[in-house]
């Protein structure tokens, strides 16, 4: 069977300029370091390993890309401008902040569980001062959590890649939902408290706990 036009195009040999352009486009798109072997493999051998090594060396000498030693091999990556570097640092800060928010939320959930258990045993067994302190603490943590998530969500960050951007946005939405759930918890806790006291005392207790419902 005679080769088709599509097959002929696929196997067409690239010129050095075309190969260099293909490599540069790939490095800019991936935005991470690769060796000549990795680049040749990832480009389906459209550019051979030897050709890739020579082209990468030439582009590095022309300051078109960055290069550095990584163990026994050289790796290269696209030159990042100040905005790209700032975006990467900001993305790392967001990952750290998301981890901290997750840990804080877990702690809040544990405290909430203890408070609910105490409420089920009877509001009279929980000192009013302790109850008020716990509620105020949860309220403040909820406000801080919401503010931090809002700040992260509104940040003008240029992600390193589409995959990392989507992953980070998914994490933010997840913890933003948890922050919303904390507001529901506050209302549920008040509902449980209200069910244990007389109606005429509800406003006094609400004021004592400094609740704004």
Protein backbone atom coordinates (compact mmCIF):
# COMPACT_ATOMS: atom_id res chain seq x y z
CA UNK A 1 0.00 0.00 0.00
CA UNK A 2 1.45 3.36 -1.06
CA UNK A 3 2.16 5.86 1.71
CA UNK A 4 -0.50 8.53 2.12
CA UNK A 5 0.10 12.26 2.10
CA UNK A 6 -0.54 12.32 5.85
CA UNK A 7 2.17 9.71 6.44
CA UNK A 8 4.57 11.63 4.25
CA UNK A 9 3.98 14.84 6.22
CA UNK A 10 4.38 13.00 9.51
CA UNK A 11 7.75 11.58 8.47
CA UNK A 12 8.97 14.80 6.80
CA UNK A 13 12.38 15.77 8.14
CA UNK A 14 12.47 19.06 10.01
CA UNK A 15 15.02 21.74 9.28
CA UNK A 16 17.26 22.90 12.17
CA UNK A 17 15.20 26.10 12.42
CA UNK A 18 11.94 24.16 12.58
CA UNK A 19 13.38 21.79 15.18
CA UNK A 20 14.59 24.71 17.29
CA UNK A 21 11.17 26.36 17.09
CA UNK A 22 9.43 23.13 18.06
CA UNK A 23 11.73 22.68 21.08
CA UNK A 24 11.32 26.30 22.22
CA UNK A 25 7.53 26.11 21.91
CA UNK A 26 7.52 22.89 23.91
CA UNK A 27 9.67 24.35 26.72
CA UNK A 28 7.47 27.45 26.91
CA UNK A 29 4.30 25.37 27.02
CA UNK A 30 5.55 22.96 29.71
CA UNK A 31 7.40 25.65 31.70
CA UNK A 32 9.66 23.15 33.44
CA UNK A 33 13.21 21.83 32.87
CA UNK A 34 13.89 18.93 30.51
CA UNK A 35 16.99 17.16 29.24
CA UNK A 36 17.71 16.60 25.54
CA UNK A 37 16.66 12.95 25.93
CA UNK A 38 13.34 13.90 27.55
CA UNK A 39 12.58 16.47 24.89
CA UNK A 40 13.36 14.07 22.04
CA UNK A 41 11.16 11.38 23.60
CA UNK A 42 8.28 13.74 24.38
CA UNK A 43 8.35 15.09 20.83
CA UNK A 44 7.92 11.54 19.50
CA UNK A 45 11.49 11.61 18.15
CA UNK A 46 10.62 14.30 15.61
CA UNK A 47 13.91 15.75 16.83
CA UNK A 48 16.63 13.21 17.55
CA UNK A 49 18.48 13.17 20.86
CA UNK A 50 21.71 14.31 19.25
CA UNK A 51 20.00 17.12 17.35
CA UNK A 52 18.11 18.19 20.46
CA UNK A 53 21.32 18.32 22.51
CA UNK A 54 23.06 20.50 19.91
CA UNK A 55 20.08 22.83 19.40
CA UNK A 56 19.56 23.24 23.15
CA UNK A 57 23.24 24.09 23.62
CA UNK A 58 23.10 26.64 20.79
CA UNK A 59 19.90 28.26 22.09
CA UNK A 60 21.39 28.43 25.58
CA UNK A 61 24.49 30.18 24.26
CA UNK A 62 22.22 32.67 22.46
CA UNK A 63 20.38 33.29 25.76
CA UNK A 64 17.12 32.08 24.26
CA UNK A 65 16.63 29.51 27.03
CA UNK A 66 18.02 28.78 30.49
CA UNK A 67 20.22 25.76 31.21
CA UNK A 68 21.77 24.16 34.29
CA UNK A 69 23.36 20.94 35.43
CA UNK A 70 21.11 18.37 37.11
CA UNK A 71 23.22 15.47 38.29
CA UNK A 72 25.10 14.04 35.32
CA UNK A 73 22.97 15.71 32.67
CA UNK A 74 22.01 19.19 31.52
CA UNK A 75 18.44 20.38 31.67
CA UNK A 76 16.90 23.37 29.95
CA UNK A 77 13.78 25.49 30.41
CA UNK A 78 12.20 28.58 28.93
CA UNK A 79 13.29 31.95 30.26
CA UNK A 80 10.74 33.20 32.78
CA UNK A 81 9.97 36.88 33.10
CA UNK A 82 9.34 38.57 36.43
CA UNK A 83 5.58 37.96 36.19
CA UNK A 84 6.11 34.22 35.69
CA UNK A 85 8.47 33.96 38.65
CA UNK A 86 6.11 35.96 40.83
CA UNK A 87 3.25 33.71 39.73
CA UNK A 88 5.20 30.60 40.71
CA UNK A 89 6.08 32.03 44.13
CA UNK A 90 2.46 33.07 44.67
CA UNK A 91 1.24 29.61 43.68
CA UNK A 92 3.59 28.05 46.24
CA UNK A 93 2.33 30.47 48.90
CA UNK A 94 -1.24 29.50 48.04
CA UNK A 95 -0.42 25.80 48.44
CA UNK A 96 1.06 26.47 51.89
CA UNK A 97 -1.92 28.61 52.89
CA UNK A 98 -4.37 25.96 51.67
CA UNK A 99 -2.62 23.32 53.78
CA UNK A 100 -2.80 25.57 56.83
CA UNK A 101 -6.47 26.28 56.24
CA UNK A 102 -7.14 22.56 55.96
CA UNK A 103 -5.44 21.92 59.29
CA UNK A 104 -7.32 24.76 60.97
CA UNK A 105 -10.61 23.45 59.64
CA UNK A 106 -9.88 19.97 61.01
CA UNK A 107 -9.19 21.52 64.43
CA UNK A 108 -12.43 23.50 64.24
CA UNK A 109 -14.36 20.36 63.37
CA UNK A 110 -12.93 18.55 66.41
CA UNK A 111 -13.85 21.45 68.69
CA UNK A 112 -17.31 21.56 67.17
CA UNK A 113 -17.76 17.83 67.87
CA UNK A 114 -16.80 18.30 71.52
CA UNK A 115 -19.18 21.21 71.90
CA UNK A 116 -22.06 19.30 70.35
CA UNK A 117 -21.43 16.38 72.71
CA UNK A 118 -21.52 18.73 75.67
CA UNK A 119 -24.76 20.28 74.43
CA UNK A 120 -26.40 16.87 74.11
CA UNK A 121 -25.56 16.10 77.72
CA UNK A 122 -27.40 19.22 78.77
CA UNK A 123 -26.76 22.93 78.45
CA UNK A 124 -26.84 23.27 82.22
CA UNK A 125 -23.70 21.12 82.51
CA UNK A 126 -21.67 23.50 80.35
CA UNK A 127 -20.51 26.67 82.13
CA UNK A 128 -21.81 29.72 80.34
CA UNK A 129 -18.32 31.27 80.24
CA UNK A 130 -16.86 28.17 78.52
CA UNK A 131 -19.73 28.02 76.04
CA UNK A 132 -19.38 31.66 75.18
CA UNK A 133 -15.61 31.34 74.76
CA UNK A 134 -16.00 28.36 72.41
CA UNK A 135 -18.63 30.07 70.28
CA UNK A 136 -16.63 33.30 70.01
CA UNK A 137 -13.51 31.31 69.07
CA UNK A 138 -15.37 29.42 66.35
CA UNK A 139 -16.87 32.63 65.02
CA UNK A 140 -13.48 34.33 64.77
CA UNK A 141 -11.86 31.32 63.13
CA UNK A 142 -14.71 31.16 60.65
CA UNK A 143 -14.25 34.84 59.77
CA UNK A 144 -10.49 34.42 59.37
CA UNK A 145 -10.94 31.31 57.25
CA UNK A 146 -13.45 33.01 54.96
CA UNK A 147 -11.24 36.09 54.58
CA UNK A 148 -8.19 34.03 53.71
CA UNK A 149 -10.06 31.95 51.16
CA UNK A 150 -11.51 35.09 49.58
CA UNK A 151 -8.04 36.61 49.35
CA UNK A 152 -6.63 33.49 47.73
CA UNK A 153 -9.55 33.16 45.33
CA UNK A 154 -9.23 36.78 44.14
CA UNK A 155 -5.45 36.70 43.74
CA UNK A 156 -4.17 37.61 40.27
CA UNK A 157 -1.89 34.61 39.85
CA UNK A 158 -0.41 33.31 36.63
CA UNK A 159 -0.24 29.52 37.12
CA UNK A 160 2.72 27.50 35.96
CA UNK A 161 0.45 25.21 33.93
CA UNK A 162 -3.23 24.65 33.25
CA UNK A 163 -3.15 21.46 35.31
CA UNK A 164 -1.69 23.19 38.38
CA UNK A 165 -4.12 26.10 37.98
CA UNK A 166 -7.13 23.79 37.87
CA UNK A 167 -5.85 21.81 40.85
CA UNK A 168 -5.34 24.97 42.91
CA UNK A 169 -8.76 26.39 42.00
CA UNK A 170 -10.39 23.09 42.94
CA UNK A 171 -8.70 23.21 46.34
CA UNK A 172 -9.88 26.79 46.91
CA UNK A 173 -13.47 25.94 46.02
CA UNK A 174 -13.35 22.93 48.33
CA UNK A 175 -12.19 24.94 51.33
CA UNK A 176 -14.50 27.83 50.50
CA UNK A 177 -17.38 25.37 50.75
CA UNK A 178 -16.07 24.18 54.11
CA UNK A 179 -16.00 27.78 55.31
CA UNK A 180 -19.65 28.10 54.25
CA UNK A 181 -20.45 24.93 56.17
CA UNK A 182 -18.95 26.49 59.30
CA UNK A 183 -21.60 29.21 59.08
CA UNK A 184 -24.28 26.54 58.97
CA UNK A 185 -22.72 24.88 62.01
CA UNK A 186 -23.05 28.12 63.97
CA UNK A 187 -26.75 28.28 63.17
CA UNK A 188 -27.27 24.60 64.02
CA UNK A 189 -25.51 25.04 67.35
CA UNK A 190 -27.75 27.96 68.20
CA UNK A 191 -30.80 25.91 67.22
CA UNK A 192 -29.74 23.20 69.68
CA UNK A 193 -29.12 25.75 72.42
CA UNK A 194 -32.44 27.47 71.75
CA UNK A 195 -34.25 24.15 72.08
CA UNK A 196 -32.97 23.73 75.63
CA UNK A 197 -33.92 27.11 77.10
CA UNK A 198 -37.11 29.03 77.63
CA UNK A 199 -38.14 31.41 74.88
CA UNK A 200 -38.02 34.49 77.11
CA UNK A 201 -34.38 33.73 77.95
CA UNK A 202 -33.22 33.23 74.36
CA UNK A 203 -32.35 36.90 73.72
CA UNK A 204 -30.37 37.09 76.96
CA UNK A 205 -28.37 33.99 76.06
CA UNK A 206 -27.80 35.24 72.54
CA UNK A 207 -26.48 38.52 73.94
CA UNK A 208 -24.34 36.69 76.51
CA UNK A 209 -22.78 34.55 73.78
CA UNK A 210 -22.32 37.61 71.56
CA UNK A 211 -24.08 35.90 68.65
CA UNK A 212 -25.20 37.78 65.55
CA UNK A 213 -27.75 35.62 63.72
